[in-house]
Amino acid sequence: MKINQSKPTLAIYGIKDIKNSGFPVFVHDHNLSFFDEGKIKRHIQLERITRKKYDNSLDQELYALLKSEKLIQKDFDLVFVDNVIGRAFISADGEVRFEGALNNDLQIGLEKGKCWWYGKEREAYVLNHELAHIYSCLPFFGNFKDNSLLVHFDGGASLSNFSAWTYKNGKLEKLEYHWDLKYLSSLFNANALVFAIIGAKEFDQHSVPGKLMGYASYGEYSEELEKWLVSNNYFQDIWAKKSLFFERARTDWNEDLKSFDQNSKFLQDIAATFQYIFQRDFIVKIQDLRKRTATEYLYLTGGSALNILANSEIVNKEIFKNVFIPPCTNDAGLSIGAGAFLEQIKHGKIELHNPYLNNWGLDSSDVAYSSDDLNEVIRLLLQGKVIGVCNGFGESGPRALGNRSILALANSRKLAKKVSEEHKKREWYRPVAPIMLEKNAKYFTELQQIHHLSRYMLLDFKVLSGKKDEIEGVVHVDGTSRIQTIFQRDDNPFIYDLLDTLDREHQVKALINTSFNVKGEPIVHTPEDALHSAKHMKLDGVVINGKLQRLS
């Protein structure tokens, strides 16, 4: 395939959903990335601009987004990402039309499509959903290491929900792709019993996995319960007849449930059993692939790579020499992956990036602050105040990593409950996570080395029992904490300096770090969003590009 190396690349994930329901069904998290010379110049998760969670209306917003960055008439290579429901993109105004070739086999690489772009026909490509996930690793980790296993695992991509590839001797080879593990991902995003236990409606679909993971920690796995769930097909289709579950629970377990009371130990054990099944069967699959391929490294992507317990077990078992998962491993990183695929063909490599890539419409990433600014923030934090942060560009993916975060002291369960339930309106069983320097991650875990994936808050760690009280607000019921580690000042200068000063001068070794958004809304994007949300959430202050604004 001959491609002009001098052109930049525009990558689009914007496939239209199966119906206009007002909320995502099969398609969610539309996004757009603009690359030049192997570097991401502009990127946006659509929800950050429109303020609609998991927004999938790029067909309506594309023209305004491109116009705002003066990209309408710019000459660039175009690549689209497909979805299980199709490979076509048509803008609401009809000015952009793209159709990708239909194939019954998953292709290894770009495929030419037919494209009409603002008044003229032009060349454009489609990359399958599976490879777009996998190549979202490149901007954060560089080219794949030789002898690597590349895995995508999600609810559904182009022609699979699980695909595996190898990268050996500089060559990408397809190993397998299928729906064999659909039963595992469905436990988290398409199971009627889980939805009932969590209290979710159809429009809550994409928030259910994270909630189930938090809730599962309150229960325990049961082999007998697993056998019962399997024999009843996991109760996955009782959408219209929840009474069937109550009847069988009463008959088989003598559990006289009247409702889906989340305090029920029986329901908690069901959630824990679901998590255990997912974790066990997924890791068995990964171990089998490792044995078959004799690969040394794992690159793991897709929405299922947000399962913290599974990630941690893979890392802790040392199945591979190293494991790599990008911060935007869910669908929010698809345009990043597609753009990286095409840019690598052009330039042989992709520049390394930090995770702070959501920058559409933001003029500068500059964050200016003095020691006085830091000390004022510290003074409020030490008083038990809750502070929002909106510095520079926003994080790519679903995790707040210090630039769009809410911070508070981590040493109080009462304060953590206030942050989570009062300010953010989250469920009682969902934990908040800490942010800390690497040396303090070692202090709380007694590990000699902290895995690099904790930079993106993708692992959990056992906190030493004798040190739990120091950060009791961020230790979950199972004794673990989803630590975000700041390894060096370059990771995030403001957060590093804040944590370093707290540690040296006040013996405070960690802070609560949770995403800057209220339940049902996306993470804030602009300073105006931050001020509005901070006031709505009744935070005590907000840091905007290094400067504190007090709100109480």
Protein backbone atom coordinates (compact mmCIF):
# COMPACT_ATOMS: atom_id res chain seq x y z
CA MET A 1 0.00 0.00 0.00
CA LYS A 2 1.57 3.28 -1.14
CA ILE A 3 0.89 6.18 1.23
CA ASN A 4 2.20 9.75 1.08
CA GLN A 5 4.44 10.15 4.11
CA SER A 6 4.22 13.94 4.15
CA LYS A 7 0.50 14.10 4.86
CA PRO A 8 -0.95 14.22 8.37
CA THR A 9 -3.65 11.73 9.42
CA LEU A 10 -7.21 12.23 10.62
CA ALA A 11 -8.68 9.19 12.39
CA ILE A 12 -12.40 8.92 13.11
CA TYR A 13 -14.47 6.57 15.23
CA GLY A 14 -18.04 7.64 14.53
CA ILE A 15 -20.11 4.65 13.33
CA LYS A 16 -23.80 5.39 13.82
CA ASP A 17 -25.68 3.31 16.38
CA ILE A 18 -28.53 0.93 15.56
CA LYS A 19 -31.23 3.38 16.68
CA ASN A 20 -31.76 6.95 17.82
CA SER A 21 -32.52 6.09 21.43
CA GLY A 22 -30.99 9.13 23.10
CA PHE A 23 -28.33 6.92 24.69
CA PRO A 24 -25.69 4.52 23.33
CA VAL A 25 -26.71 0.94 22.60
CA PHE A 26 -24.01 -0.85 20.56
CA VAL A 27 -21.88 2.21 19.75
CA HIS A 28 -20.44 4.57 22.35
CA ASP A 29 -17.54 6.90 23.04
CA HIS A 30 -17.06 8.48 19.61
CA ASN A 31 -13.65 10.11 19.24
CA LEU A 32 -11.42 11.94 16.79
CA SER A 33 -7.61 12.18 16.50
CA PHE A 34 -5.36 14.28 14.28
CA PHE A 35 -1.73 13.14 13.84
CA ASP A 36 1.23 14.80 12.16
CA GLU A 37 4.78 13.38 11.89
CA GLY A 38 3.90 10.54 14.26
CA LYS A 39 2.57 12.86 16.97
CA ILE A 40 -1.00 13.37 18.20
CA LYS A 41 -1.72 17.05 17.68
CA ARG A 42 -5.42 17.04 18.48
CA HIS A 43 -7.67 14.47 20.14
CA ILE A 44 -11.15 14.51 21.62
CA GLN A 45 -13.54 12.09 23.23
CA LEU A 46 -16.79 13.53 21.99
CA GLU A 47 -18.47 13.42 25.40
CA ARG A 48 -16.00 15.97 26.76
CA ILE A 49 -17.22 18.60 24.27
CA THR A 50 -20.95 17.80 24.17
CA ARG A 51 -21.20 16.97 27.90
CA LYS A 52 -23.22 13.82 27.08
CA LYS A 53 -21.84 10.68 28.73
CA TYR A 54 -20.47 8.11 26.24
CA ASP A 55 -21.70 10.35 23.40
CA ASN A 56 -22.07 8.71 19.97
CA SER A 57 -23.33 11.61 17.86
CA LEU A 58 -20.18 12.47 15.90
CA ASP A 59 -22.21 12.47 12.69
CA GLN A 60 -23.90 15.63 14.01
CA GLU A 61 -20.82 17.27 15.52
CA LEU A 62 -18.10 16.54 12.94
CA TYR A 63 -18.34 19.74 10.88
CA ALA A 64 -18.22 22.04 13.91
CA LEU A 65 -15.29 20.13 15.41
CA LEU A 66 -13.27 20.22 12.18
CA LYS A 67 -14.11 23.87 11.55
CA SER A 68 -12.98 24.87 15.06
CA GLU A 69 -9.52 23.46 14.30
CA LYS A 70 -9.46 24.66 10.66
CA LEU A 71 -9.35 21.10 9.30
CA ILE A 72 -12.23 21.15 6.79
CA GLN A 73 -10.09 21.80 3.72
CA LYS A 74 -6.76 20.52 5.04
CA ASP A 75 -5.09 17.75 3.07
CA PHE A 76 -4.64 14.61 5.16
CA ASP A 77 -5.05 10.86 5.05
CA LEU A 78 -8.35 9.61 6.39
CA VAL A 79 -8.90 6.43 8.38
CA PHE A 80 -12.18 5.28 9.94
CA VAL A 81 -12.75 2.60 12.59
CA ASP A 82 -15.60 0.12 12.17
CA ASN A 83 -17.93 -1.60 14.61
CA VAL A 84 -19.78 -4.90 14.79
CA ILE A 85 -22.86 -3.17 13.35
CA GLY A 86 -21.15 -1.78 10.25
CA ARG A 87 -18.40 0.08 8.44
CA ALA A 88 -20.20 3.16 7.11
CA PHE A 89 -20.05 6.76 8.30
CA ILE A 90 -22.47 9.42 7.05
CA SER A 91 -22.49 12.89 8.58
CA ALA A 92 -25.83 14.44 9.49
CA ASP A 93 -25.45 17.08 6.76
CA GLY A 94 -24.56 14.43 4.16
CA GLU A 95 -21.27 16.15 3.29
CA VAL A 96 -19.15 13.25 4.55
CA ARG A 97 -19.87 9.72 3.39
CA PHE A 98 -17.67 6.70 3.86
CA GLU A 99 -18.25 3.02 3.11
CA GLY A 100 -15.73 0.33 3.92
CA ALA A 101 -15.48 -2.94 2.01
CA LEU A 102 -17.38 -5.84 3.57
CA ASN A 103 -15.29 -8.88 4.47
CA ASN A 104 -16.09 -12.15 6.19
CA ASP A 105 -12.52 -12.47 7.44
CA LEU A 106 -10.65 -10.11 9.74
CA GLN A 107 -8.03 -8.30 7.68
CA ILE A 108 -4.49 -7.57 8.82
CA GLY A 109 -4.25 -3.91 8.03
CA LEU A 110 -5.95 -1.00 6.32
CA GLU A 111 -8.68 -1.52 3.73
CA LYS A 112 -9.62 1.03 1.09
CA GLY A 113 -13.13 2.39 1.20
CA LYS A 114 -15.26 4.79 -0.81
CA CYS A 115 -15.33 8.32 0.56
CA TRP A 116 -17.01 11.62 -0.26
CA TRP A 117 -15.58 14.50 1.74
CA TYR A 118 -17.00 18.03 1.61
CA GLY A 119 -17.55 18.39 -2.10
CA LYS A 120 -15.13 15.87 -3.56
CA GLU A 121 -14.30 12.21 -3.66
CA ARG A 122 -11.12 11.28 -1.87
CA GLU A 123 -9.10 8.27 -0.76
CA ALA A 124 -9.84 6.88 2.69
CA TYR A 125 -9.31 3.70 4.67
CA VAL A 126 -11.01 1.62 7.33
CA LEU A 127 -9.21 -0.24 10.12
CA ASN A 128 -11.00 -2.98 11.99
CA HIS A 129 -12.04 -2.30 15.57
CA GLU A 130 -9.79 -5.07 16.88
CA LEU A 131 -6.55 -3.63 15.48
CA ALA A 132 -7.57 -0.08 16.39
CA HIS A 133 -7.72 -1.21 20.02
CA ILE A 134 -4.37 -2.96 19.84
CA TYR A 135 -2.54 -0.09 18.13
CA SER A 136 -3.76 2.38 20.76
CA CYS A 137 -0.76 1.08 22.74
CA LEU A 138 1.83 2.66 20.44
CA PRO A 139 1.56 6.33 21.50
CA PHE A 140 2.18 5.34 25.13
CA PHE A 141 4.69 2.49 24.88
CA GLY A 142 6.37 2.84 21.48
CA ASN A 143 6.64 0.11 18.86
CA PHE A 144 5.68 -3.38 19.95
CA LYS A 145 8.49 -5.36 21.50
CA ASP A 146 9.57 -8.36 19.49
CA ASN A 147 7.99 -11.66 20.50
CA SER A 148 4.82 -10.10 21.86
CA LEU A 149 1.26 -11.34 22.25
CA LEU A 150 -1.32 -8.69 21.32
CA VAL A 151 -4.83 -9.19 22.72
CA HIS A 152 -8.06 -7.28 22.34
CA PHE A 153 -11.02 -8.23 24.58
CA ASP A 154 -14.29 -6.31 24.77
CA GLY A 155 -18.06 -6.58 24.39
CA GLY A 156 -17.87 -6.69 20.60
CA ALA A 157 -15.55 -5.28 17.97
CA SER A 158 -15.75 -5.87 14.20
CA LEU A 159 -15.93 -9.65 13.81
CA SER A 160 -15.15 -10.79 17.36
CA ASN A 161 -15.10 -9.85 21.00
CA PHE A 162 -11.70 -11.50 21.50
CA SER A 163 -8.76 -11.44 19.12
CA ALA A 164 -5.14 -12.46 19.54
CA TRP A 165 -2.16 -11.58 17.37
CA THR A 166 1.58 -12.06 17.56
CA TYR A 167 4.35 -9.63 16.75
CA LYS A 168 7.56 -11.48 15.89
CA ASN A 169 10.54 -10.47 13.79
CA GLY A 170 8.85 -7.21 12.92
CA LYS A 171 5.75 -8.93 11.53
CA LEU A 172 2.16 -8.83 12.73
CA GLU A 173 0.31 -12.13 12.42
CA LYS A 174 -3.29 -12.98 13.26
CA LEU A 175 -3.64 -15.87 15.68
CA GLU A 176 -7.40 -16.11 16.32
CA TYR A 177 -10.58 -14.08 16.57
CA HIS A 178 -13.97 -15.24 17.81
CA TRP A 179 -16.89 -14.79 20.18
CA ASP A 180 -15.93 -17.69 22.47
CA LEU A 181 -15.44 -15.41 25.47
CA LYS A 182 -18.63 -13.42 24.93
CA TYR A 183 -20.13 -15.15 27.96
CA LEU A 184 -17.48 -13.44 30.11
CA SER A 185 -17.84 -9.89 28.83
CA SER A 186 -21.63 -10.31 28.89
CA LEU A 187 -21.52 -10.86 32.64
CA PHE A 188 -20.47 -7.24 32.92
CA ASN A 189 -22.46 -5.48 30.21
CA ALA A 190 -25.43 -7.59 29.08
CA ASN A 191 -26.66 -9.69 32.00
CA ALA A 192 -30.19 -9.08 33.28
CA LEU A 193 -29.39 -10.31 36.79
CA VAL A 194 -26.37 -8.01 37.10
CA PHE A 195 -28.42 -5.04 35.90
CA ALA A 196 -31.07 -5.86 38.49
CA ILE A 197 -28.57 -6.20 41.33
CA ILE A 198 -26.82 -2.95 40.39
CA GLY A 199 -30.16 -1.22 39.81
CA ALA A 200 -29.21 -0.22 36.27
CA LYS A 201 -31.46 0.68 33.37
CA GLU A 202 -30.69 0.20 29.68
CA PHE A 203 -29.13 3.65 29.40
CA ASP A 204 -26.73 2.77 32.27
CA GLN A 205 -25.18 -0.10 30.30
CA HIS A 206 -21.69 1.32 29.96
CA SER A 207 -21.30 2.19 33.65
CA VAL A 208 -22.31 -1.28 34.87
CA PRO A 209 -18.88 -3.01 34.59
CA GLY A 210 -17.16 -0.59 36.96
CA LYS A 211 -20.02 -0.77 39.44
CA LEU A 212 -20.05 -4.57 39.40
CA MET A 213 -16.31 -4.71 40.08
CA GLY A 214 -16.69 -2.47 43.12
CA TYR A 215 -19.72 -4.33 44.45
CA ALA A 216 -18.17 -7.79 43.91
CA SER A 217 -15.51 -7.05 46.54
CA TYR A 218 -18.16 -7.33 49.26
CA GLY A 219 -18.90 -10.98 48.44
CA GLU A 220 -17.09 -14.29 48.21
CA TYR A 221 -16.79 -16.81 45.40
CA SER A 222 -18.77 -20.02 45.81
CA GLU A 223 -18.26 -23.12 43.68
CA GLU A 224 -21.80 -24.28 44.42
CA LEU A 225 -23.15 -20.87 43.50
CA GLU A 226 -21.24 -21.01 40.23
CA LYS A 227 -22.76 -24.38 39.34
CA TRP A 228 -26.22 -23.01 40.09
CA LEU A 229 -25.66 -19.86 38.02
CA VAL A 230 -24.32 -21.87 35.07
CA SER A 231 -27.28 -24.28 35.24
CA ASN A 232 -29.59 -21.27 34.99
CA ASN A 233 -27.60 -19.70 32.14
CA TYR A 234 -26.44 -16.96 34.54
CA PHE A 235 -30.04 -15.64 34.56
CA GLN A 236 -28.86 -13.49 31.69
CA ASP A 237 -32.24 -13.17 29.97
CA ILE A 238 -34.67 -12.47 32.84
CA TRP A 239 -35.20 -8.88 31.72
CA ALA A 240 -38.98 -9.13 31.79
CA LYS A 241 -39.32 -11.79 34.51
CA LYS A 242 -37.13 -11.09 37.53
CA SER A 243 -39.51 -13.22 39.62
CA LEU A 244 -37.89 -16.32 38.10
CA PHE A 245 -34.67 -15.50 39.95
CA PHE A 246 -36.47 -14.98 43.26
CA GLU A 247 -38.35 -18.26 42.87
CA ARG A 248 -35.19 -20.26 42.21
CA ALA A 249 -33.25 -18.54 44.96
CA ARG A 250 -36.02 -19.47 47.40
CA THR A 251 -36.39 -23.06 46.12
CA ASP A 252 -32.69 -23.89 45.75
CA TRP A 253 -31.05 -21.75 48.45
CA ASN A 254 -33.85 -20.93 50.88
CA GLU A 255 -33.18 -17.26 50.19
CA ASP A 256 -36.46 -15.39 50.62
CA LEU A 257 -35.57 -12.22 48.70
CA LYS A 258 -38.24 -9.58 48.26
CA SER A 259 -36.09 -7.19 46.25
CA PHE A 260 -32.57 -6.68 44.95
CA ASP A 261 -31.26 -5.38 48.26
CA GLN A 262 -27.56 -4.63 47.74
CA ASN A 263 -26.88 -5.42 51.40
CA SER A 264 -27.84 -9.06 50.78
CA LYS A 265 -24.86 -11.36 51.29
CA PHE A 266 -26.38 -13.74 48.74
CA LEU A 267 -26.36 -11.06 46.04
CA GLN A 268 -22.88 -9.93 47.00
CA ASP A 269 -21.63 -13.51 46.65
CA ILE A 270 -23.25 -13.75 43.21
CA ALA A 271 -21.37 -10.61 42.13
CA ALA A 272 -18.11 -12.00 43.56
CA THR A 273 -18.71 -15.29 41.74
CA PHE A 274 -19.25 -13.46 38.45
CA GLN A 275 -15.97 -11.59 38.94
CA TYR A 276 -14.16 -14.81 39.85
CA ILE A 277 -15.46 -16.63 36.75
CA PHE A 278 -14.37 -13.76 34.51
CA GLN A 279 -10.96 -13.54 36.07
CA ARG A 280 -10.29 -17.28 36.14
CA ASP A 281 -11.43 -18.10 32.62
CA PHE A 282 -9.79 -15.06 31.06
CA ILE A 283 -6.44 -15.81 32.68
CA VAL A 284 -6.65 -19.47 31.66
CA LYS A 285 -7.06 -18.22 28.08
CA ILE A 286 -4.10 -15.84 28.40
CA GLN A 287 -1.91 -18.59 29.87
CA ASP A 288 -2.88 -20.93 27.03
CA LEU A 289 -1.95 -18.31 24.42
CA ARG A 290 1.34 -17.65 26.19
CA LYS A 291 2.15 -21.37 26.13
CA ARG A 292 1.17 -21.78 22.47
CA THR A 293 3.08 -18.77 21.21
CA ALA A 294 6.06 -18.71 23.60
CA THR A 295 5.71 -14.91 23.61
CA GLU A 296 7.45 -12.82 26.25
CA TYR A 297 5.33 -9.65 26.36
CA LEU A 298 1.61 -8.94 26.51
CA TYR A 299 -0.19 -5.93 25.06
CA LEU A 300 -3.76 -6.02 26.37
CA THR A 301 -6.55 -3.74 25.11
CA GLY A 302 -10.33 -3.40 24.88
CA GLY A 303 -12.92 -2.54 27.51
CA SER A 304 -12.27 -5.78 29.40
CA ALA A 305 -8.73 -4.55 30.10
CA LEU A 306 -10.34 -2.17 32.61
CA ASN A 307 -10.96 -5.15 34.90
CA ILE A 308 -8.45 -4.24 37.59
CA LEU A 309 -8.50 -7.59 39.40
CA ALA A 310 -7.79 -9.54 36.21
CA ASN A 311 -5.02 -7.14 35.19
CA SER A 312 -3.40 -7.41 38.60
CA GLU A 313 -3.46 -11.20 38.59
CA ILE A 314 -1.86 -11.34 35.13
CA VAL A 315 0.90 -9.03 36.33
CA ASN A 316 1.38 -10.73 39.70
CA LYS A 317 1.55 -14.22 38.21
CA GLU A 318 4.47 -13.00 36.06
CA ILE A 319 3.10 -14.84 33.03
CA PHE A 320 5.01 -12.37 30.84
CA LYS A 321 8.18 -10.35 31.23
CA ASN A 322 6.03 -7.23 31.00
CA VAL A 323 2.42 -6.22 30.40
CA PHE A 324 1.26 -3.09 28.58
CA ILE A 325 -2.25 -1.58 28.70
CA PRO A 326 -2.92 1.95 27.38
CA PRO A 327 -4.84 4.52 29.45
CA CYS A 328 -7.50 4.68 26.70
CA THR A 329 -7.94 0.90 26.42
CA ASN A 330 -11.72 1.21 25.97
CA ASP A 331 -13.46 2.55 22.85
CA ALA A 332 -12.38 6.08 23.75
CA GLY A 333 -8.97 5.22 22.26
CA LEU A 334 -10.05 3.79 18.91
CA SER A 335 -9.20 6.84 16.81
CA ILE A 336 -5.81 6.98 18.56
CA GLY A 337 -5.17 3.38 17.56
CA ALA A 338 -6.31 3.82 13.96
CA GLY A 339 -4.25 6.97 13.52
CA ALA A 340 -1.22 5.30 15.08
CA PHE A 341 -1.55 2.34 12.70
CA LEU A 342 -1.45 4.59 9.64
CA GLU A 343 1.23 6.89 11.02
CA GLN A 344 3.48 3.93 11.81
CA ILE A 345 3.27 2.85 8.16
CA LYS A 346 4.37 6.35 7.17
CA HIS A 347 7.10 6.99 9.72
CA GLY A 348 8.11 3.63 11.20
CA LYS A 349 7.31 4.73 14.73
CA ILE A 350 5.01 6.89 16.83
CA GLU A 351 6.20 9.56 19.24
CA LEU A 352 5.77 8.75 22.93
CA HIS A 353 2.94 10.65 24.61
CA ASN A 354 1.71 11.30 28.11
CA PRO A 355 -1.96 10.45 28.72
CA TYR A 356 -3.09 14.09 28.65
CA LEU A 357 -4.39 14.18 25.08
CA ASN A 358 -7.97 15.51 25.24
CA ASN A 359 -7.17 18.96 23.92
CA TRP A 360 -9.73 19.84 21.22
CA GLY A 361 -10.67 23.49 21.68
CA LEU A 362 -8.09 24.06 24.42
CA ASP A 363 -5.43 26.59 23.49
CA SER A 364 -2.56 25.65 25.77
CA SER A 365 -1.36 22.96 28.14
CA ASP A 366 0.60 25.48 30.21
CA VAL A 367 0.17 25.14 33.98
CA ALA A 368 1.74 28.01 35.94
CA TYR A 369 1.95 27.91 39.73
CA SER A 370 4.19 29.06 42.55
CA SER A 371 5.06 27.59 45.94
CA ASP A 372 2.46 29.98 47.40
CA ASP A 373 -0.18 28.50 45.09
CA LEU A 374 0.74 24.98 46.21
CA ASN A 375 0.75 25.94 49.87
CA GLU A 376 -2.71 27.46 49.60
CA VAL A 377 -4.06 24.23 48.09
CA ILE A 378 -2.27 22.23 50.79
CA ARG A 379 -3.71 24.42 53.54
CA LEU A 380 -7.24 23.69 52.35
CA LEU A 381 -6.58 19.97 51.92
CA LEU A 382 -5.20 19.72 55.47
CA GLN A 383 -8.43 21.32 56.69
CA GLY A 384 -10.37 18.44 55.13
CA LYS A 385 -11.51 20.46 52.11
CA VAL A 386 -12.29 18.93 48.71
CA ILE A 387 -10.53 20.48 45.72
CA GLY A 388 -11.09 20.03 41.98
CA VAL A 389 -8.23 20.23 39.49
CA CYS A 390 -8.48 21.32 35.84
CA ASN A 391 -4.93 21.70 34.58
CA GLY A 392 -3.74 21.72 30.98
CA PHE A 393 -5.20 19.07 28.69
CA GLY A 394 -7.52 16.29 29.84
CA GLU A 395 -6.64 12.62 30.17
CA SER A 396 -7.41 10.18 27.36
CA GLY A 397 -9.59 7.29 28.45
CA PRO A 398 -11.94 6.91 31.43
CA ARG A 399 -9.52 7.58 34.32
CA ALA A 400 -8.67 10.95 35.84
CA LEU A 401 -4.90 10.99 36.35
CA GLY A 402 -4.33 14.33 38.01
CA ASN A 403 -5.35 16.86 35.36
CA ARG A 404 -9.11 16.43 35.74
CA SER A 405 -9.26 15.13 39.30
CA ILE A 406 -10.95 15.75 42.62
CA LEU A 407 -8.46 15.66 45.50
CA ALA A 408 -8.85 15.27 49.27
CA LEU A 409 -7.01 13.70 52.20
CA ALA A 410 -6.93 9.91 52.04
CA ASN A 411 -6.82 9.23 55.77
CA SER A 412 -10.53 9.35 56.55
CA ARG A 413 -13.36 7.00 55.57
CA LYS A 414 -15.82 9.72 56.47
CA LEU A 415 -14.21 12.19 54.07
CA ALA A 416 -13.95 9.55 51.32
CA LYS A 417 -17.65 8.77 51.76
CA LYS A 418 -18.44 12.49 51.55
CA VAL A 419 -16.42 12.89 48.33
CA SER A 420 -17.93 9.83 46.68
CA GLU A 421 -21.55 9.92 47.82
CA GLU A 422 -22.26 13.59 48.54
CA HIS A 423 -20.11 15.42 46.01
CA LYS A 424 -20.11 12.84 43.20
CA LYS A 425 -23.45 11.09 43.99
CA ARG A 426 -21.91 7.64 43.53
CA GLU A 427 -23.10 4.35 44.99
CA TRP A 428 -22.06 3.40 48.54
CA TYR A 429 -20.08 0.34 47.48
CA ARG A 430 -17.78 2.07 45.00
CA PRO A 431 -14.28 2.85 46.27
CA VAL A 432 -12.23 5.95 45.61
CA ALA A 433 -8.59 5.61 44.66
CA PRO A 434 -5.39 7.25 45.92
CA ILE A 435 -2.62 9.08 44.14
CA MET A 436 0.90 8.97 45.58
CA LEU A 437 4.60 9.14 44.78
CA GLU A 438 6.40 5.92 43.88
CA LYS A 439 8.30 5.80 47.17
CA ASN A 440 5.03 5.93 49.08
CA ALA A 441 3.44 3.23 46.93
CA LYS A 442 6.37 1.08 48.06
CA TYR A 443 5.84 2.20 51.66
CA PHE A 444 2.18 1.12 51.71
CA THR A 445 2.74 -2.18 49.87
CA GLU A 446 6.33 -3.12 50.82
CA LEU A 447 6.92 -3.99 47.17
CA GLN A 448 10.40 -3.45 45.86
CA GLN A 449 9.07 -2.39 42.48
CA ILE A 450 5.77 -0.73 41.53
CA HIS A 451 4.47 -1.80 38.14
CA HIS A 452 4.36 0.94 35.52
CA LEU A 453 0.65 0.28 34.76
CA SER A 454 -0.22 1.94 38.06
CA ARG A 455 0.69 5.18 36.30
CA TYR A 456 -2.68 4.78 34.55
CA MET A 457 -4.57 3.42 37.59
CA LEU A 458 -4.97 -0.03 35.99
CA LEU A 459 -3.90 -2.25 38.90
CA ASP A 460 -4.80 -2.77 42.52
CA PHE A 461 -2.42 -3.44 45.39
CA LYS A 462 -2.69 -5.09 48.80
CA VAL A 463 -2.11 -2.46 51.45
CA LEU A 464 -0.11 -3.59 54.48
CA SER A 465 -2.48 -4.15 57.39
CA GLY A 466 -0.38 -2.02 59.74
CA LYS A 467 -0.55 0.96 57.38
CA LYS A 468 -4.20 0.86 56.31
CA ASP A 469 -5.22 3.46 58.89
CA GLU A 470 -2.97 6.05 57.27
CA ILE A 471 -5.03 5.87 54.06
CA GLU A 472 -8.23 4.25 55.29
CA GLY A 473 -10.34 6.36 52.94
CA VAL A 474 -8.87 4.67 49.86
CA VAL A 475 -8.58 1.07 51.07
CA HIS A 476 -11.43 -1.03 49.70
CA VAL A 477 -13.35 -3.62 51.72
CA ASP A 478 -11.07 -6.37 50.35
CA GLY A 479 -7.93 -4.64 51.65
CA THR A 480 -6.77 -3.43 48.24
CA SER A 481 -6.25 0.02 46.80
CA ARG A 482 -6.22 1.08 43.14
CA ILE A 483 -3.11 3.21 43.46
CA GLN A 484 -2.14 5.74 40.86
CA THR A 485 1.62 6.15 41.05
CA ILE A 486 3.54 9.28 40.12
CA PHE A 487 6.97 7.93 39.20
CA GLN A 488 8.74 11.16 38.30
CA ARG A 489 8.06 14.86 38.13
CA ASP A 490 7.62 14.78 34.36
CA ASP A 491 4.55 12.55 34.83
CA ASN A 492 2.62 15.54 36.18
CA PRO A 493 4.67 18.44 37.63
CA PHE A 494 1.82 20.05 39.59
CA ILE A 495 0.69 16.79 41.21
CA TYR A 496 4.29 15.71 41.88
CA ASP A 497 5.14 19.00 43.59
CA LEU A 498 1.89 18.91 45.57
CA LEU A 499 2.50 15.35 46.80
CA ASP A 500 6.19 15.98 47.47
CA THR A 501 5.47 19.04 49.60
CA LEU A 502 2.70 17.24 51.50
CA ASP A 503 5.06 14.36 52.21
CA ARG A 504 8.13 16.38 53.22
CA GLU A 505 6.43 19.09 55.26
CA HIS A 506 3.26 17.44 56.57
CA GLN A 507 3.92 13.66 56.50
CA VAL A 508 0.90 13.16 54.20
CA LYS A 509 1.76 10.32 51.84
CA ALA A 510 -1.34 10.10 49.61
CA LEU A 511 -4.46 11.90 48.46
CA ILE A 512 -7.84 10.75 47.23
CA ASN A 513 -7.89 11.06 43.45
CA THR A 514 -11.25 10.60 41.78
CA SER A 515 -12.51 11.87 38.44
CA PHE A 516 -13.80 15.45 38.22
CA ASN A 517 -17.43 14.72 37.37
CA VAL A 518 -20.74 14.10 39.06
CA LYS A 519 -22.58 10.81 38.45
CA GLY A 520 -24.03 10.67 34.92
CA GLU A 521 -21.80 13.40 33.48
CA PRO A 522 -18.48 13.18 31.61
CA ILE A 523 -15.22 14.34 33.13
CA VAL A 524 -14.87 18.12 32.79
CA HIS A 525 -13.03 19.46 29.75
CA THR A 526 -12.74 23.25 29.81
CA PRO A 527 -12.06 25.63 32.71
CA GLU A 528 -15.67 26.79 32.32
CA ASP A 529 -16.86 23.19 32.74
CA ALA A 530 -14.69 22.86 35.83
CA LEU A 531 -16.05 25.99 37.49
CA HIS A 532 -19.63 25.03 36.72
CA SER A 533 -19.22 21.48 37.98
CA ALA A 534 -17.25 22.51 41.06
CA LYS A 535 -20.06 24.85 42.10
CA HIS A 536 -22.74 22.26 41.31
CA MET A 537 -20.86 19.58 43.27
CA LYS A 538 -20.24 22.02 46.14
CA LEU A 539 -16.48 21.58 46.12
CA ASP A 540 -14.45 23.90 48.32
CA GLY A 541 -12.19 25.10 45.54
CA VAL A 542 -10.89 24.42 42.07
CA VAL A 543 -7.38 24.69 40.63
CA ILE A 544 -7.41 25.94 37.04
CA ASN A 545 -4.08 25.82 35.23
CA GLY A 546 -2.23 26.05 38.53
CA LYS A 547 -4.26 28.80 40.18
CA LEU A 548 -6.70 28.11 43.03
CA GLN A 549 -10.17 29.61 43.08
CA ARG A 550 -11.89 29.22 46.43
CA LEU A 551 -15.60 28.42 46.36
CA SER A 552 -16.39 28.30 50.08
